[in-house]
């Protein structure tokens, strides 16, 4: 499930998701920036650190293009690994990338260049279990299934641990055709934004290994915040939105205020200090 800060990461974990997608789109949006690598990689990784601290499930980081060449990509990977992320996903667009659902001008880097980026990143990682996911935007760029498969195979040979195939078609036919032709050479990852109504069993039958809900948490937050702001501004009272608000106790529970209270009793109570001073 997509997350864009520590709270959304915690919610994803509490609601049962097995991993978190640190979405470049959603983090950029939360920062008030556009999803074309306007946010610096240090800004993105600060938020990733918050997610890792807030949740105990794996975090896969959306690294966009790696914010430049192979050197910036491997530096990004090293820092993500140090912060405790489980993996990084890089895409084969030209830096700075354009969001996949904006316009039609989506340029891809040469295959050899992107393979060099993958190889550099795999050489840079220290933890063998850390994953490098190679995302091809060949379908987004209108290059067709054959080129998507050719690029994915080259990325596999370069050392990628999984292939992320992206599509903005209104149904899943492009990605399922890719998955069938790919025949399980590496795990296949998808993000069904425009074909979100496709039953999960369709993905399972076609040997798709992971489904990323890539932006739904952020979009739900935008809708809720706009509705609350609009109603409070028009009605000049906040009571009109009470029914839509999370109780404060729910927020406290999500962020484990009870753990802090218990720790204070254990480590910071006056009785404990008195015992220490008296030598007991």
Protein backbone atom coordinates (compact mmCIF):
# COMPACT_ATOMS: atom_id res chain seq x y z
CA UNK A 1 0.00 0.00 0.00
CA UNK A 2 1.16 3.52 -0.81
CA UNK A 3 2.26 5.76 2.02
CA UNK A 4 3.42 9.35 2.04
CA UNK A 5 4.42 9.89 5.68
CA UNK A 6 4.83 8.04 8.94
CA UNK A 7 1.13 8.09 9.80
CA UNK A 8 -0.03 6.68 6.46
CA UNK A 9 2.64 3.97 6.75
CA UNK A 10 1.38 3.05 10.21
CA UNK A 11 -2.22 2.93 8.97
CA UNK A 12 -1.24 0.63 6.09
CA UNK A 13 0.37 -1.75 8.55
CA UNK A 14 -2.53 -1.69 11.02
CA UNK A 15 -5.01 -2.39 8.22
CA UNK A 16 -3.16 -5.54 7.25
CA UNK A 17 -0.92 -4.72 4.30
CA UNK A 18 2.29 -6.70 4.07
CA UNK A 19 4.51 -3.93 2.69
CA UNK A 20 4.61 -0.20 2.01
CA UNK A 21 5.23 1.63 -1.25
CA UNK A 22 6.99 4.92 -0.50
CA UNK A 23 5.40 6.62 -3.48
CA UNK A 24 7.30 9.41 -5.20
CA UNK A 25 4.01 10.87 -6.39
CA UNK A 26 2.44 10.84 -2.95
CA UNK A 27 5.48 12.09 -1.05
CA UNK A 28 5.95 14.90 -3.58
CA UNK A 29 2.26 15.77 -3.33
CA UNK A 30 2.44 15.87 0.47
CA UNK A 31 5.39 18.26 0.13
CA UNK A 32 3.36 20.49 -2.22
CA UNK A 33 5.57 19.57 -5.17
CA UNK A 34 4.95 17.98 -8.55
CA UNK A 35 5.85 14.41 -9.42
CA UNK A 36 8.65 15.18 -11.84
CA UNK A 37 11.53 14.89 -9.39
CA UNK A 38 11.04 18.40 -8.04
CA UNK A 39 11.53 16.94 -4.57
CA UNK A 40 15.18 16.25 -3.86
CA UNK A 41 16.20 12.72 -3.00
CA UNK A 42 17.17 13.87 0.48
CA UNK A 43 13.62 15.18 1.01
CA UNK A 44 12.18 11.86 -0.15
CA UNK A 45 14.50 9.83 2.05
CA UNK A 46 13.68 11.92 5.11
CA UNK A 47 10.06 10.79 4.67
CA UNK A 48 11.20 7.20 4.08
CA UNK A 49 12.99 7.32 7.42
CA UNK A 50 9.74 8.40 9.07
CA UNK A 51 7.91 5.46 7.45
CA UNK A 52 10.54 2.94 8.56
CA UNK A 53 10.33 4.22 12.12
CA UNK A 54 6.51 4.26 12.17
CA UNK A 55 5.88 0.78 10.73
CA UNK A 56 7.50 -2.62 11.09
CA UNK A 57 6.64 -3.97 7.63
CA UNK A 58 9.02 -3.66 4.63
CA UNK A 59 9.23 -0.36 2.77
CA UNK A 60 9.90 -0.33 -0.98
CA UNK A 61 11.10 3.09 -2.04
CA UNK A 62 10.01 4.71 -5.30
CA UNK A 63 13.36 6.05 -6.50
CA UNK A 64 11.98 7.51 -9.76
CA UNK A 65 14.92 7.64 -12.20
CA UNK A 66 17.49 7.61 -9.44
CA UNK A 67 17.56 11.41 -9.66
CA UNK A 68 20.25 11.41 -12.31
CA UNK A 69 22.91 9.00 -13.50
CA UNK A 70 24.25 5.75 -12.06
CA UNK A 71 26.18 7.60 -9.35
CA UNK A 72 23.21 9.46 -7.90
CA UNK A 73 21.15 6.27 -8.12
CA UNK A 74 23.66 4.21 -6.17
CA UNK A 75 24.07 6.97 -3.56
CA UNK A 76 20.29 7.06 -3.21
CA UNK A 77 20.23 3.28 -2.79
CA UNK A 78 22.98 3.29 -0.16
CA UNK A 79 21.15 5.86 1.93
CA UNK A 80 17.80 4.05 1.59
CA UNK A 81 19.47 0.84 2.70
CA UNK A 82 21.09 2.58 5.69
CA UNK A 83 17.68 3.94 6.73
CA UNK A 84 16.21 0.44 6.82
CA UNK A 85 14.23 0.29 3.58
CA UNK A 86 13.74 -3.16 2.05
CA UNK A 87 14.35 -2.11 -1.54
CA UNK A 88 14.35 0.61 -4.17
CA UNK A 89 12.55 0.82 -7.50
CA UNK A 90 14.10 2.74 -10.39
CA UNK A 91 12.40 3.49 -13.71
CA UNK A 92 13.87 3.77 -17.19
CA UNK A 93 12.73 7.32 -17.99
CA UNK A 94 14.96 10.26 -18.78
CA UNK A 95 15.71 12.51 -15.79
CA UNK A 96 13.70 14.48 -14.77
CA UNK A 97 10.80 12.10 -15.31
CA UNK A 98 7.21 13.04 -15.98
CA UNK A 99 4.41 11.38 -14.04
CA UNK A 100 3.10 8.45 -16.06
CA UNK A 101 -0.45 9.85 -16.17
CA UNK A 102 0.52 13.33 -17.35
CA UNK A 103 0.73 13.97 -21.11
CA UNK A 104 2.21 11.72 -23.76
CA UNK A 105 5.84 12.88 -23.94
CA UNK A 106 7.60 10.12 -22.03
CA UNK A 107 11.22 9.66 -23.08
CA UNK A 108 13.11 6.52 -22.09
CA UNK A 109 16.84 6.18 -21.56
CA UNK A 110 18.87 3.74 -23.65
CA UNK A 111 18.76 0.17 -22.43
CA UNK A 112 22.53 0.04 -21.89
CA UNK A 113 22.44 3.16 -19.74
CA UNK A 114 19.72 1.80 -17.51
CA UNK A 115 21.45 -1.58 -17.25
CA UNK A 116 24.57 0.25 -16.07
CA UNK A 117 22.47 1.97 -13.39
CA UNK A 118 21.10 -1.39 -12.20
CA UNK A 119 24.57 -2.93 -12.12
CA UNK A 120 25.97 0.03 -10.18
CA UNK A 121 23.17 -0.22 -7.63
CA UNK A 122 23.53 -3.96 -7.15
CA UNK A 123 27.27 -3.51 -6.66
CA UNK A 124 26.64 -0.76 -4.10
CA UNK A 125 24.19 -2.60 -1.85
CA UNK A 126 25.55 -4.27 1.28
CA UNK A 127 22.57 -6.37 2.38
CA UNK A 128 22.02 -9.32 0.05
CA UNK A 129 18.29 -9.28 0.79
CA UNK A 130 17.89 -5.66 -0.35
CA UNK A 131 15.89 -5.56 -3.59
CA UNK A 132 16.40 -3.50 -6.73
CA UNK A 133 13.19 -3.39 -8.75
CA UNK A 134 13.53 -2.31 -12.39
CA UNK A 135 10.50 -0.45 -13.69
CA UNK A 136 10.01 -0.19 -17.41
CA UNK A 137 7.79 2.54 -18.80
CA UNK A 138 7.82 1.08 -22.31
CA UNK A 139 4.03 0.65 -22.37
CA UNK A 140 3.49 4.16 -20.99
CA UNK A 141 5.76 5.55 -23.72
CA UNK A 142 3.84 3.67 -26.43
CA UNK A 143 6.76 1.40 -27.31
CA UNK A 144 4.69 -1.77 -27.25
CA UNK A 145 4.86 -5.19 -25.64
CA UNK A 146 7.92 -6.44 -27.54
CA UNK A 147 10.11 -3.58 -26.37
CA UNK A 148 8.79 -3.91 -22.83
CA UNK A 149 9.84 -7.57 -22.83
CA UNK A 150 13.22 -6.80 -24.39
CA UNK A 151 13.94 -4.14 -21.80
CA UNK A 152 12.80 -6.35 -18.94
CA UNK A 153 15.07 -9.17 -20.08
CA UNK A 154 18.05 -6.81 -20.33
CA UNK A 155 17.30 -5.52 -16.82
CA UNK A 156 17.07 -9.10 -15.54
CA UNK A 157 20.47 -9.87 -16.97
CA UNK A 158 21.84 -6.68 -15.38
CA UNK A 159 20.86 -8.00 -11.96
CA UNK A 160 17.38 -6.64 -11.19
CA UNK A 161 15.47 -8.60 -8.56
CA UNK A 162 12.00 -7.91 -9.99
CA UNK A 163 10.33 -6.17 -12.93
CA UNK A 164 7.71 -3.46 -12.50
CA UNK A 165 5.56 -3.17 -15.64
CA UNK A 166 3.38 -0.08 -15.78
CA UNK A 167 0.32 0.65 -17.92
CA UNK A 168 -2.34 3.33 -18.03
CA UNK A 169 -4.86 1.34 -20.04
CA UNK A 170 -8.36 1.06 -18.59
CA UNK A 171 -8.11 -2.71 -18.30
CA UNK A 172 -5.40 -5.18 -17.36
CA UNK A 173 -4.84 -6.73 -20.78
CA UNK A 174 -1.46 -5.08 -21.36
CA UNK A 175 0.05 -6.16 -18.06
CA UNK A 176 -1.40 -9.67 -18.15
CA UNK A 177 -0.09 -10.13 -21.71
CA UNK A 178 3.32 -9.04 -20.49
CA UNK A 179 3.19 -11.39 -17.51
CA UNK A 180 2.21 -14.39 -19.65
CA UNK A 181 4.99 -13.73 -22.16
CA UNK A 182 7.47 -13.07 -19.37
CA UNK A 183 6.75 -16.56 -17.98
CA UNK A 184 8.06 -16.00 -14.48
CA UNK A 185 11.69 -15.18 -15.26
CA UNK A 186 11.57 -12.73 -12.34
CA UNK A 187 8.75 -11.55 -10.07
CA UNK A 188 6.39 -9.09 -11.81
CA UNK A 189 5.09 -6.01 -10.00
CA UNK A 190 2.18 -3.83 -11.14
CA UNK A 191 0.33 -0.72 -9.96
CA UNK A 192 -3.30 -0.85 -11.16
CA UNK A 193 -4.25 2.81 -10.99
CA UNK A 194 -6.41 2.97 -14.12
CA UNK A 195 -7.52 -0.68 -14.01
CA UNK A 196 -8.07 -0.82 -10.24
CA UNK A 197 -11.34 -2.70 -10.60
CA UNK A 198 -9.65 -5.81 -11.96
CA UNK A 199 -10.22 -8.74 -9.58
CA UNK A 200 -7.09 -9.82 -7.75
CA UNK A 201 -7.58 -13.38 -8.98
CA UNK A 202 -6.84 -12.17 -12.52
CA UNK A 203 -3.41 -11.04 -11.36
CA UNK A 204 -2.78 -14.29 -9.48
CA UNK A 205 -3.73 -16.43 -12.48
CA UNK A 206 -1.30 -14.49 -14.66
CA UNK A 207 1.65 -14.97 -12.28
CA UNK A 208 1.84 -11.37 -11.14
CA UNK A 209 3.76 -11.42 -7.88
CA UNK A 210 2.93 -8.08 -6.25
CA UNK A 211 0.23 -5.43 -6.60
CA UNK A 212 1.04 -1.87 -5.51
CA UNK A 213 -1.86 0.43 -4.68
CA UNK A 214 0.25 3.36 -5.67
CA UNK A 215 -1.65 6.54 -4.77
CA UNK A 216 -5.00 5.70 -3.20
CA UNK A 217 -4.14 6.76 0.35
CA UNK A 218 -2.99 10.19 -0.77
CA UNK A 219 -5.97 10.70 -3.07
CA UNK A 220 -8.35 9.68 -0.27
CA UNK A 221 -6.63 12.20 2.01
CA UNK A 222 -6.99 14.98 -0.58
CA UNK A 223 -10.72 14.33 -0.87
CA UNK A 224 -11.22 14.24 2.89
CA UNK A 225 -9.16 17.37 3.56
CA UNK A 226 -10.85 19.38 0.85
CA UNK A 227 -14.29 18.38 2.07
CA UNK A 228 -13.45 19.32 5.68
CA UNK A 229 -11.86 22.65 4.72
CA UNK A 230 -14.77 23.53 2.43
CA UNK A 231 -17.44 22.76 5.01
CA UNK A 232 -15.69 24.55 7.86
CA UNK A 233 -15.02 27.61 5.71
CA UNK A 234 -18.61 27.86 4.46
CA UNK A 235 -20.37 27.04 7.74
CA UNK A 236 -17.87 28.78 10.04
CA UNK A 237 -18.01 25.88 12.48
CA UNK A 238 -16.22 22.55 12.70
CA UNK A 239 -19.15 20.63 14.16
CA UNK A 240 -20.44 19.99 10.64
CA UNK A 241 -17.57 17.62 9.92
CA UNK A 242 -17.41 15.85 13.27
CA UNK A 243 -18.97 12.71 11.80
CA UNK A 244 -16.15 12.45 9.24
CA UNK A 245 -13.29 12.96 11.69
CA UNK A 246 -11.21 10.29 13.38
CA UNK A 247 -11.63 10.50 17.15
CA UNK A 248 -8.49 11.74 18.87
CA UNK A 249 -8.31 8.45 20.77
CA UNK A 250 -7.99 6.64 17.43
CA UNK A 251 -5.03 8.83 16.47
CA UNK A 252 -3.44 8.26 19.88
CA UNK A 253 -3.91 4.51 19.47
CA UNK A 254 -2.36 4.49 16.00
CA UNK A 255 0.72 6.29 17.25
CA UNK A 256 0.98 4.13 20.40
CA UNK A 257 0.64 6.79 23.05
CA UNK A 258 -0.03 3.92 25.49
CA UNK A 259 3.51 2.63 24.92
CA UNK A 260 4.90 6.05 25.86
CA UNK A 261 2.82 6.16 29.03
CA UNK A 262 3.99 2.69 30.04
CA UNK A 263 7.62 3.61 29.31
CA UNK A 264 7.29 6.76 31.39
CA UNK A 265 6.03 4.69 34.32
CA UNK A 266 8.92 2.28 33.87
CA UNK A 267 11.79 4.66 33.20
CA UNK A 268 10.80 8.15 34.37
CA UNK A 269 8.54 7.82 37.41
CA UNK A 270 9.36 9.80 40.60
CA UNK A 271 9.39 6.53 42.57
CA UNK A 272 12.13 5.17 40.34
CA UNK A 273 14.27 8.28 40.88
CA UNK A 274 13.74 8.05 44.63
CA UNK A 275 14.87 4.42 44.61
CA UNK A 276 18.01 5.28 42.66
CA UNK A 277 18.90 8.16 45.01
CA UNK A 278 18.43 6.01 48.09
CA UNK A 279 20.55 3.21 46.67
CA UNK A 280 17.76 0.69 46.59
